N, C-alpha and C. Protein backbone atom coordinates (compact mmCIF):
# COMPACT_ATOMS: atom_id res chain seq x y z
N ALA A 1 0.83 -1.22 0.00
CA ALA A 1 -0.02 0.00 0.02
C ALA A 1 0.87 1.24 -0.06
N GLU A 2 0.30 2.34 -0.35
CA GLU A 2 1.06 3.66 -0.40
C GLU A 2 1.37 4.13 1.00
N GLU A 3 0.49 3.88 1.94
CA GLU A 3 0.68 4.34 3.34
C GLU A 3 0.78 3.13 4.29
N ALA A 4 1.56 3.28 5.35
CA ALA A 4 1.82 2.23 6.29
C ALA A 4 0.48 1.77 6.96
N ALA A 5 -0.36 2.72 7.39
CA ALA A 5 -1.61 2.37 7.98
C ALA A 5 -2.54 1.50 7.06
N ALA A 6 -2.56 1.86 5.82
CA ALA A 6 -3.37 1.13 4.82
C ALA A 6 -2.85 -0.34 4.68
N ALA A 7 -1.52 -0.50 4.58
CA ALA A 7 -0.90 -1.79 4.51
C ALA A 7 -1.26 -2.63 5.74
N SER A 8 -1.06 -2.00 6.89
CA SER A 8 -1.38 -2.63 8.19
C SER A 8 -2.85 -3.06 8.29
N GLN A 9 -3.71 -2.23 7.87
CA GLN A 9 -5.15 -2.49 7.91
C GLN A 9 -5.53 -3.62 6.89
N ALA A 10 -4.94 -3.58 5.70
CA ALA A 10 -5.23 -4.63 4.73
C ALA A 10 -4.82 -5.98 5.22
N ALA A 11 -3.64 -6.02 5.87
CA ALA A 11 -3.15 -7.32 6.41
C ALA A 11 -3.99 -7.77 7.49
N ALA A 12 -4.50 -6.88 8.39
CA ALA A 12 -5.37 -7.22 9.50
C ALA A 12 -6.67 -7.78 8.99
N ALA A 13 -7.22 -7.11 7.94
CA ALA A 13 -8.50 -7.64 7.33
C ALA A 13 -8.32 -8.95 6.74
N SER A 14 -7.25 -9.19 6.01
CA SER A 14 -6.99 -10.54 5.37
C SER A 14 -6.88 -11.59 6.45
N MET A 15 -6.10 -11.19 7.57
CA MET A 15 -5.87 -12.27 8.56
C MET A 15 -7.16 -12.52 9.30
N ASP A 16 -7.98 -11.47 9.51
CA ASP A 16 -9.25 -11.68 10.14
C ASP A 16 -10.13 -12.62 9.37
N ALA A 17 -10.12 -12.52 8.03
CA ALA A 17 -10.92 -13.46 7.17
C ALA A 17 -10.37 -14.81 7.26
N VAL A 18 -9.01 -14.95 7.34
CA VAL A 18 -8.39 -16.34 7.43
C VAL A 18 -8.76 -16.90 8.82
N VAL A 19 -8.67 -16.15 9.83
CA VAL A 19 -8.97 -16.69 11.14
C VAL A 19 -10.44 -17.05 11.27
N GLN A 20 -11.30 -16.27 10.75
CA GLN A 20 -12.75 -16.55 10.73
C GLN A 20 -13.02 -17.82 9.92
N THR A 21 -12.35 -17.99 8.90
CA THR A 21 -12.45 -19.21 8.06
C THR A 21 -12.04 -20.43 8.84
N LEU A 22 -10.89 -20.30 9.48
CA LEU A 22 -10.32 -21.45 10.32
C LEU A 22 -11.36 -21.81 11.51
N LEU A 23 -11.83 -20.78 12.15
CA LEU A 23 -12.77 -21.00 13.20
C LEU A 23 -14.07 -21.69 12.71
N GLY A 24 -14.55 -21.15 11.53
CA GLY A 24 -15.66 -21.74 10.94
C GLY A 24 -15.52 -23.19 10.47
N MET A 25 -14.28 -23.59 10.23
CA MET A 25 -14.03 -25.00 9.91
C MET A 25 -13.85 -25.90 11.11
N GLY A 26 -14.03 -25.27 12.28
CA GLY A 26 -13.93 -26.10 13.50
C GLY A 26 -12.55 -26.16 14.11
N ILE A 27 -11.64 -25.30 13.56
CA ILE A 27 -10.30 -25.29 14.18
C ILE A 27 -10.49 -24.46 15.56
N ASP A 28 -9.94 -25.08 16.64
CA ASP A 28 -10.08 -24.43 18.00
C ASP A 28 -9.17 -23.21 18.04
N GLU A 29 -9.64 -22.16 18.71
CA GLU A 29 -8.83 -20.93 18.83
C GLU A 29 -7.42 -21.25 19.50
N LYS A 30 -7.33 -22.24 20.35
CA LYS A 30 -6.04 -22.48 21.02
C LYS A 30 -5.11 -23.09 19.98
N ASP A 31 -5.58 -23.55 18.81
CA ASP A 31 -4.75 -24.14 17.76
C ASP A 31 -4.36 -23.07 16.69
N ILE A 32 -4.67 -21.77 16.90
CA ILE A 32 -4.29 -20.70 16.02
C ILE A 32 -3.39 -19.81 16.78
N GLN A 33 -2.11 -19.64 16.39
CA GLN A 33 -1.19 -18.82 17.17
C GLN A 33 -0.46 -17.89 16.24
N THR A 34 -0.51 -16.53 16.56
CA THR A 34 0.22 -15.56 15.81
C THR A 34 1.73 -15.79 16.04
N THR A 35 2.47 -15.86 14.91
CA THR A 35 3.88 -16.09 15.03
C THR A 35 4.69 -14.90 14.56
N SER A 36 4.10 -14.02 13.79
CA SER A 36 4.85 -12.84 13.27
C SER A 36 3.87 -11.76 12.82
N ILE A 37 4.18 -10.54 13.08
CA ILE A 37 3.48 -9.41 12.62
C ILE A 37 4.59 -8.39 12.20
N SER A 38 4.60 -7.93 10.99
CA SER A 38 5.65 -6.97 10.58
C SER A 38 5.09 -5.95 9.64
N LEU A 39 5.69 -4.81 9.64
CA LEU A 39 5.36 -3.68 8.77
C LEU A 39 6.65 -3.11 8.30
N SER A 40 6.91 -2.95 7.01
CA SER A 40 8.19 -2.42 6.53
C SER A 40 7.96 -1.59 5.28
N ALA A 41 8.87 -0.64 5.10
CA ALA A 41 8.80 0.24 3.94
C ALA A 41 9.42 -0.56 2.77
N ARG A 42 8.93 -0.23 1.53
CA ARG A 42 9.46 -0.76 0.35
C ARG A 42 10.16 0.40 -0.36
N TYR A 43 11.34 0.24 -0.78
CA TYR A 43 12.18 1.34 -1.30
C TYR A 43 12.46 1.12 -2.82
N ASP A 44 12.57 2.26 -3.49
CA ASP A 44 13.17 2.30 -4.86
C ASP A 44 14.60 2.64 -4.72
N TRP A 45 15.39 1.53 -4.81
CA TRP A 45 16.84 1.63 -4.59
C TRP A 45 17.60 2.23 -5.81
N ASN A 46 16.81 2.45 -6.99
CA ASN A 46 17.44 3.09 -8.16
C ASN A 46 17.56 4.58 -8.03
N LYS A 47 16.94 5.14 -6.99
CA LYS A 47 16.95 6.61 -6.77
C LYS A 47 18.01 6.90 -5.72
N GLU A 48 18.55 8.11 -5.80
CA GLU A 48 19.59 8.53 -4.87
C GLU A 48 19.17 9.82 -4.24
N PRO A 49 18.79 9.90 -2.96
CA PRO A 49 18.75 8.80 -2.03
C PRO A 49 17.54 7.90 -2.37
N ALA A 50 17.52 6.65 -1.84
CA ALA A 50 16.48 5.73 -2.04
C ALA A 50 15.17 6.35 -1.50
N GLU A 51 14.00 6.12 -2.26
CA GLU A 51 12.73 6.59 -1.78
C GLU A 51 11.79 5.46 -1.32
N ILE A 52 10.98 5.78 -0.42
CA ILE A 52 9.93 4.86 -0.01
C ILE A 52 8.86 4.87 -1.09
N VAL A 53 8.60 3.77 -1.62
CA VAL A 53 7.49 3.66 -2.70
C VAL A 53 6.26 2.96 -2.23
N GLY A 54 6.24 2.47 -1.00
CA GLY A 54 5.10 1.73 -0.46
C GLY A 54 5.43 1.07 0.86
N TRP A 55 4.40 0.41 1.28
CA TRP A 55 4.54 -0.33 2.61
C TRP A 55 4.03 -1.68 2.51
N GLU A 56 4.69 -2.66 3.15
CA GLU A 56 4.36 -4.02 3.15
C GLU A 56 4.09 -4.50 4.61
N ALA A 57 2.95 -5.07 4.78
CA ALA A 57 2.60 -5.62 6.10
C ALA A 57 2.44 -7.13 5.99
N ARG A 58 2.89 -7.81 7.03
CA ARG A 58 2.68 -9.24 7.12
C ARG A 58 2.16 -9.65 8.40
N ASN A 59 1.32 -10.73 8.38
CA ASN A 59 0.75 -11.22 9.61
C ASN A 59 0.67 -12.72 9.42
N MET A 60 1.50 -13.47 10.25
CA MET A 60 1.53 -14.83 10.07
C MET A 60 1.05 -15.64 11.31
N VAL A 61 0.41 -16.72 11.00
CA VAL A 61 -0.09 -17.55 12.10
C VAL A 61 0.36 -18.97 11.92
N ASN A 62 0.45 -19.73 12.97
CA ASN A 62 0.70 -21.19 12.94
C ASN A 62 -0.54 -21.83 13.32
N VAL A 63 -1.08 -22.81 12.54
CA VAL A 63 -2.31 -23.46 12.76
C VAL A 63 -2.07 -24.90 12.97
N THR A 64 -2.66 -25.53 13.99
CA THR A 64 -2.65 -26.99 14.17
C THR A 64 -3.95 -27.48 13.73
N VAL A 65 -3.92 -28.39 12.76
CA VAL A 65 -5.14 -29.10 12.27
C VAL A 65 -5.06 -30.55 12.76
N ARG A 66 -5.94 -30.89 13.55
CA ARG A 66 -5.91 -32.20 14.25
C ARG A 66 -6.52 -33.34 13.43
N ASP A 67 -7.32 -32.94 12.42
CA ASP A 67 -7.90 -34.03 11.53
C ASP A 67 -7.13 -34.03 10.27
N ILE A 68 -6.29 -34.99 10.11
CA ILE A 68 -5.43 -35.11 8.84
C ILE A 68 -6.25 -35.05 7.61
N GLU A 69 -7.47 -35.65 7.60
CA GLU A 69 -8.26 -35.70 6.42
C GLU A 69 -8.71 -34.24 5.98
N ALA A 70 -8.63 -33.27 6.93
CA ALA A 70 -9.10 -31.94 6.63
C ALA A 70 -7.95 -30.97 6.21
N VAL A 71 -6.81 -31.41 6.30
CA VAL A 71 -5.67 -30.47 6.01
C VAL A 71 -5.75 -29.89 4.65
N GLY A 72 -5.93 -30.64 3.65
CA GLY A 72 -5.99 -30.05 2.26
C GLY A 72 -7.17 -29.04 2.17
N ASP A 73 -8.29 -29.38 2.69
CA ASP A 73 -9.50 -28.43 2.69
C ASP A 73 -9.19 -27.17 3.45
N VAL A 74 -8.40 -27.25 4.58
CA VAL A 74 -8.02 -26.11 5.30
C VAL A 74 -7.14 -25.18 4.49
N VAL A 75 -6.09 -25.78 3.85
CA VAL A 75 -5.16 -25.03 3.01
C VAL A 75 -5.97 -24.29 1.93
N ASP A 76 -6.79 -25.06 1.22
CA ASP A 76 -7.56 -24.38 0.18
C ASP A 76 -8.48 -23.22 0.65
N ALA A 77 -9.09 -23.49 1.79
CA ALA A 77 -9.96 -22.44 2.38
C ALA A 77 -9.28 -21.17 2.80
N VAL A 78 -8.10 -21.29 3.45
CA VAL A 78 -7.41 -20.12 3.83
C VAL A 78 -6.80 -19.31 2.65
N VAL A 79 -6.43 -20.04 1.63
CA VAL A 79 -5.92 -19.35 0.36
C VAL A 79 -7.14 -18.56 -0.18
N GLU A 80 -8.30 -19.19 -0.28
CA GLU A 80 -9.48 -18.54 -0.81
C GLU A 80 -9.89 -17.34 0.15
N ALA A 81 -9.63 -17.45 1.40
CA ALA A 81 -9.95 -16.31 2.32
C ALA A 81 -9.03 -15.19 2.29
N GLY A 82 -7.87 -15.37 1.63
CA GLY A 82 -6.92 -14.29 1.45
C GLY A 82 -5.50 -14.60 1.86
N ALA A 83 -5.21 -15.73 2.33
CA ALA A 83 -3.78 -16.08 2.70
C ALA A 83 -3.05 -16.18 1.38
N ASN A 84 -1.85 -15.60 1.40
CA ASN A 84 -1.01 -15.58 0.13
C ASN A 84 0.30 -16.22 0.34
N GLN A 85 0.54 -16.84 1.43
CA GLN A 85 1.76 -17.60 1.66
C GLN A 85 1.57 -18.67 2.64
N ILE A 86 1.99 -19.89 2.20
CA ILE A 86 1.92 -21.06 3.03
C ILE A 86 3.42 -21.44 3.24
N ASN A 87 3.88 -21.44 4.46
CA ASN A 87 5.28 -21.74 4.70
C ASN A 87 5.66 -23.15 5.02
N GLY A 88 4.69 -23.99 5.36
CA GLY A 88 5.07 -25.37 5.57
C GLY A 88 3.99 -26.15 6.16
N ILE A 89 4.10 -27.46 6.09
CA ILE A 89 3.28 -28.40 6.76
C ILE A 89 4.18 -29.37 7.41
N SER A 90 3.87 -29.69 8.63
CA SER A 90 4.64 -30.72 9.33
C SER A 90 3.67 -31.61 10.11
N PHE A 91 4.03 -32.87 10.27
CA PHE A 91 3.17 -33.84 10.96
C PHE A 91 3.98 -34.23 12.20
N ARG A 92 3.13 -34.45 13.27
CA ARG A 92 3.74 -34.95 14.54
C ARG A 92 2.69 -35.82 15.22
N VAL A 93 3.26 -36.57 16.18
CA VAL A 93 2.44 -37.46 17.02
C VAL A 93 2.06 -36.63 18.23
N GLU A 94 0.78 -36.52 18.51
CA GLU A 94 0.33 -35.68 19.60
C GLU A 94 0.92 -36.12 20.93
N ASP A 95 0.87 -37.44 21.18
CA ASP A 95 1.43 -37.94 22.45
C ASP A 95 2.42 -39.07 22.09
N PRO A 96 3.71 -38.78 22.02
CA PRO A 96 4.71 -39.68 21.56
C PRO A 96 5.17 -40.58 22.67
N SER A 97 4.65 -40.54 23.85
CA SER A 97 5.18 -41.21 25.00
C SER A 97 5.27 -42.78 24.80
N GLU A 98 4.19 -43.37 24.29
CA GLU A 98 4.15 -44.81 24.19
C GLU A 98 5.20 -45.30 23.06
N ALA A 99 5.23 -44.52 21.95
CA ALA A 99 6.16 -44.89 20.85
C ALA A 99 7.58 -44.65 21.34
N GLN A 100 7.86 -43.69 22.13
CA GLN A 100 9.22 -43.44 22.61
C GLN A 100 9.65 -44.50 23.60
N THR A 101 8.75 -45.00 24.45
CA THR A 101 9.02 -46.00 25.37
C THR A 101 9.43 -47.31 24.62
N ILE A 102 8.68 -47.65 23.63
CA ILE A 102 9.03 -48.75 22.77
C ILE A 102 10.30 -48.60 22.11
N ALA A 103 10.60 -47.40 21.54
CA ALA A 103 11.84 -47.21 20.82
C ALA A 103 13.05 -47.22 21.86
N ARG A 104 12.79 -46.76 23.02
CA ARG A 104 13.82 -46.69 24.05
C ARG A 104 14.22 -48.13 24.44
N THR A 105 13.21 -49.01 24.64
CA THR A 105 13.44 -50.44 24.95
C THR A 105 14.24 -51.13 23.90
N ALA A 106 13.80 -50.85 22.65
CA ALA A 106 14.56 -51.46 21.46
C ALA A 106 15.95 -50.98 21.40
N ALA A 107 16.22 -49.68 21.69
CA ALA A 107 17.52 -49.14 21.57
C ALA A 107 18.50 -49.73 22.61
N VAL A 108 17.99 -49.89 23.81
CA VAL A 108 18.73 -50.55 24.89
C VAL A 108 19.10 -52.00 24.52
N GLU A 109 18.05 -52.71 24.09
CA GLU A 109 18.28 -54.09 23.66
C GLU A 109 19.33 -54.16 22.53
N ASP A 110 19.23 -53.27 21.58
CA ASP A 110 20.19 -53.27 20.50
C ASP A 110 21.55 -52.97 21.01
N ALA A 111 21.70 -51.98 21.83
CA ALA A 111 23.02 -51.62 22.41
C ALA A 111 23.63 -52.80 23.18
N GLU A 112 22.81 -53.45 23.98
CA GLU A 112 23.26 -54.57 24.75
C GLU A 112 23.74 -55.75 23.80
N ALA A 113 22.97 -55.99 22.76
CA ALA A 113 23.38 -57.12 21.89
C ALA A 113 24.72 -56.82 21.17
N LYS A 114 24.86 -55.53 20.77
CA LYS A 114 26.10 -55.21 20.13
C LYS A 114 27.25 -55.26 21.14
N ALA A 115 27.00 -54.77 22.35
CA ALA A 115 28.04 -54.84 23.39
C ALA A 115 28.51 -56.26 23.65
N GLN A 116 27.47 -57.16 23.78
CA GLN A 116 27.74 -58.56 24.07
C GLN A 116 28.51 -59.20 22.94
N GLN A 117 28.21 -58.92 21.73
CA GLN A 117 29.03 -59.35 20.55
C GLN A 117 30.43 -58.93 20.60
N LEU A 118 30.59 -57.57 20.84
CA LEU A 118 31.97 -57.02 20.89
C LEU A 118 32.74 -57.60 22.05
N ALA A 119 32.11 -57.79 23.14
CA ALA A 119 32.81 -58.37 24.33
C ALA A 119 33.31 -59.79 24.01
N ALA A 120 32.39 -60.58 23.44
CA ALA A 120 32.70 -61.97 23.04
C ALA A 120 33.79 -61.95 22.01
N ASP A 121 33.78 -61.10 21.00
CA ASP A 121 34.78 -61.04 20.02
C ASP A 121 36.14 -60.72 20.62
N ALA A 122 36.14 -59.88 21.64
CA ALA A 122 37.33 -59.37 22.30
C ALA A 122 37.80 -60.36 23.41
N GLY A 123 36.97 -61.38 23.72
CA GLY A 123 37.30 -62.35 24.79
C GLY A 123 37.20 -61.78 26.15
N VAL A 124 36.33 -60.83 26.32
CA VAL A 124 36.04 -60.29 27.75
C VAL A 124 34.56 -60.39 28.01
N GLU A 125 34.19 -60.11 29.25
CA GLU A 125 32.74 -60.15 29.63
C GLU A 125 32.31 -58.73 30.11
N ILE A 126 31.05 -58.44 29.94
CA ILE A 126 30.42 -57.20 30.48
C ILE A 126 30.20 -57.47 31.91
N VAL A 127 30.71 -56.55 32.78
CA VAL A 127 30.55 -56.67 34.21
C VAL A 127 29.70 -55.61 34.83
N GLY A 128 29.31 -54.62 33.94
CA GLY A 128 28.48 -53.54 34.54
C GLY A 128 28.30 -52.46 33.47
N ILE A 129 27.48 -51.49 33.89
CA ILE A 129 27.29 -50.37 33.03
C ILE A 129 27.81 -49.11 33.76
N VAL A 130 28.56 -48.33 33.00
CA VAL A 130 29.25 -47.11 33.58
C VAL A 130 28.27 -45.95 33.46
N SER A 131 27.57 -45.79 32.33
CA SER A 131 26.62 -44.67 32.10
C SER A 131 25.66 -44.90 31.00
N ILE A 132 24.53 -44.27 31.03
CA ILE A 132 23.55 -44.34 29.98
C ILE A 132 23.07 -42.91 29.68
N THR A 133 23.04 -42.56 28.42
CA THR A 133 22.48 -41.33 28.02
C THR A 133 21.50 -41.54 26.91
N GLU A 134 20.51 -40.62 26.76
CA GLU A 134 19.51 -40.77 25.76
C GLU A 134 19.39 -39.44 24.93
N SER A 135 19.12 -39.61 23.68
CA SER A 135 18.77 -38.43 22.84
C SER A 135 17.82 -38.87 21.77
N GLY A 136 17.20 -37.95 21.12
CA GLY A 136 16.33 -38.32 20.10
C GLY A 136 14.92 -37.84 20.28
N GLY A 137 14.02 -38.49 19.61
CA GLY A 137 12.54 -38.12 19.76
C GLY A 137 12.21 -36.92 18.86
N ALA A 138 13.10 -36.59 17.89
CA ALA A 138 12.80 -35.37 17.12
C ALA A 138 11.62 -35.63 16.18
N GLN A 139 10.88 -34.55 15.96
CA GLN A 139 9.69 -34.58 15.09
C GLN A 139 10.25 -34.47 13.58
N PRO A 140 9.42 -34.92 12.67
CA PRO A 140 9.81 -34.75 11.27
C PRO A 140 9.88 -33.32 10.75
N GLU A 141 10.65 -33.14 9.66
CA GLU A 141 10.76 -31.81 9.18
C GLU A 141 9.57 -31.37 8.38
N PRO A 142 9.24 -30.03 8.33
CA PRO A 142 8.08 -29.62 7.55
C PRO A 142 8.28 -29.84 6.11
N ILE A 143 7.18 -29.89 5.33
CA ILE A 143 7.17 -29.96 3.91
C ILE A 143 6.90 -28.51 3.43
N TYR A 144 7.75 -27.90 2.68
CA TYR A 144 7.55 -26.51 2.29
C TYR A 144 6.83 -26.45 0.96
N MET A 145 5.92 -25.50 0.93
CA MET A 145 5.19 -25.27 -0.32
C MET A 145 5.35 -23.87 -0.82
N ALA A 146 5.63 -23.66 -2.09
CA ALA A 146 5.85 -22.31 -2.63
C ALA A 146 4.54 -21.56 -2.76
N ARG A 147 4.63 -20.32 -2.59
CA ARG A 147 3.47 -19.42 -2.67
C ARG A 147 2.80 -19.58 -4.06
N ALA A 148 3.61 -19.59 -5.06
CA ALA A 148 3.04 -19.68 -6.45
C ALA A 148 2.29 -20.99 -6.60
N GLU A 149 2.83 -22.07 -6.08
CA GLU A 149 2.07 -23.34 -6.22
C GLU A 149 0.77 -23.26 -5.55
N MET A 150 0.68 -22.68 -4.39
CA MET A 150 -0.58 -22.56 -3.66
C MET A 150 -1.56 -21.72 -4.46
N ALA A 151 -1.09 -20.56 -4.95
CA ALA A 151 -1.97 -19.74 -5.73
C ALA A 151 -2.47 -20.41 -7.01
N TYR A 152 -1.64 -21.16 -7.66
CA TYR A 152 -1.93 -21.87 -8.85
C TYR A 152 -3.06 -22.97 -8.49
N ALA A 153 -2.80 -23.67 -7.46
CA ALA A 153 -3.81 -24.71 -7.05
C ALA A 153 -5.16 -24.05 -6.78
N ALA A 154 -5.19 -22.92 -6.11
CA ALA A 154 -6.42 -22.23 -5.85
C ALA A 154 -7.09 -21.76 -7.08
N ASP A 155 -6.28 -21.17 -8.02
CA ASP A 155 -6.83 -20.66 -9.30
C ASP A 155 -7.36 -21.82 -10.18
N ALA A 156 -6.71 -22.90 -10.14
CA ALA A 156 -7.12 -24.07 -10.96
C ALA A 156 -8.30 -24.78 -10.43
N GLY A 157 -8.76 -24.47 -9.23
CA GLY A 157 -9.90 -25.17 -8.68
C GLY A 157 -9.48 -26.53 -8.17
N ALA A 158 -8.25 -26.84 -8.10
CA ALA A 158 -7.78 -28.18 -7.63
C ALA A 158 -7.79 -28.19 -6.18
N SER A 159 -8.11 -29.33 -5.61
CA SER A 159 -8.07 -29.53 -4.22
C SER A 159 -6.62 -29.93 -3.83
N THR A 160 -6.06 -29.37 -2.79
CA THR A 160 -4.72 -29.53 -2.41
C THR A 160 -4.61 -30.87 -1.70
N PRO A 161 -3.93 -31.86 -2.30
CA PRO A 161 -3.72 -33.19 -1.70
C PRO A 161 -2.68 -33.03 -0.55
N VAL A 162 -3.01 -33.63 0.63
CA VAL A 162 -2.03 -33.70 1.73
C VAL A 162 -2.08 -35.12 2.25
N LEU A 163 -0.85 -35.74 2.20
CA LEU A 163 -0.70 -37.13 2.57
C LEU A 163 0.22 -37.16 3.78
N ALA A 164 -0.20 -37.76 4.85
CA ALA A 164 0.52 -37.74 6.13
C ALA A 164 1.65 -38.71 6.00
N GLY A 165 1.50 -39.80 5.29
CA GLY A 165 2.53 -40.88 5.32
C GLY A 165 2.72 -41.41 6.71
N GLU A 166 3.96 -41.75 7.08
CA GLU A 166 4.21 -42.26 8.42
C GLU A 166 5.14 -41.32 9.10
N VAL A 167 4.89 -41.14 10.44
CA VAL A 167 5.74 -40.30 11.27
C VAL A 167 6.68 -41.21 11.98
N GLU A 168 8.00 -40.93 11.89
CA GLU A 168 9.01 -41.75 12.58
C GLU A 168 9.65 -41.01 13.73
N LEU A 169 9.55 -41.66 14.86
CA LEU A 169 10.17 -41.20 16.05
C LEU A 169 11.38 -42.03 16.35
N SER A 170 12.46 -41.37 16.84
CA SER A 170 13.61 -42.17 17.16
C SER A 170 14.21 -41.81 18.49
N VAL A 171 14.88 -42.78 19.14
CA VAL A 171 15.49 -42.53 20.35
C VAL A 171 16.89 -43.13 20.23
N ASN A 172 17.95 -42.36 20.60
CA ASN A 172 19.27 -42.85 20.57
C ASN A 172 19.74 -43.05 21.99
N VAL A 173 20.30 -44.24 22.27
CA VAL A 173 20.77 -44.58 23.60
C VAL A 173 22.32 -44.80 23.47
N HIS A 174 23.05 -44.17 24.28
CA HIS A 174 24.51 -44.38 24.39
C HIS A 174 24.87 -44.92 25.76
N ILE A 175 25.33 -46.22 25.69
CA ILE A 175 25.59 -46.96 26.97
C ILE A 175 27.14 -47.26 26.98
N VAL A 176 27.77 -46.90 28.06
CA VAL A 176 29.15 -47.23 28.27
C VAL A 176 29.18 -48.41 29.28
N TYR A 177 29.73 -49.59 28.76
CA TYR A 177 29.75 -50.78 29.51
C TYR A 177 31.16 -50.94 30.11
N GLU A 178 31.18 -51.56 31.32
CA GLU A 178 32.51 -51.94 31.94
C GLU A 178 32.70 -53.39 31.61
N MET A 179 33.87 -53.69 31.06
CA MET A 179 34.21 -55.05 30.66
C MET A 179 35.47 -55.46 31.38
N ALA A 180 35.53 -56.75 31.63
CA ALA A 180 36.72 -57.34 32.25
C ALA A 180 37.06 -58.69 31.65
């Protein structure tokens, strides 16, 4: 926009439409979080000194969609409501406790089997454990979607396919064994 206030108001109106669309689709307000609001001047750098030629406002939210089947429809609806940038989609397990417990047990069993083999190959025995440390449980990386692709999909009337695939959780266990 030509004026900062106009840019800010336009961004606020667009975001309000996006938020109302999300709420209307059953997304809980606690699952919509503002992550960034910015207002900045746009300059013509070909002039000396550079001149402000307009203003750009951004308002970004992070949305949690708990129904995987609805993700594509949510993406399409917010683009139609005025969203012009989708920065990514990521999938996670809401409560990873059980999966991490299973992974932790498997990691310890794997470490013990490898240690037993190494001890046997070296002609020694495991007599104890010196230390155990754990790391892991990282969530998968987001899938980034380009703004142009999203606009094209909305213009073409295509529904945005979103496939969750499998979510993999991992636990790494480092065990230091005492051998004699």
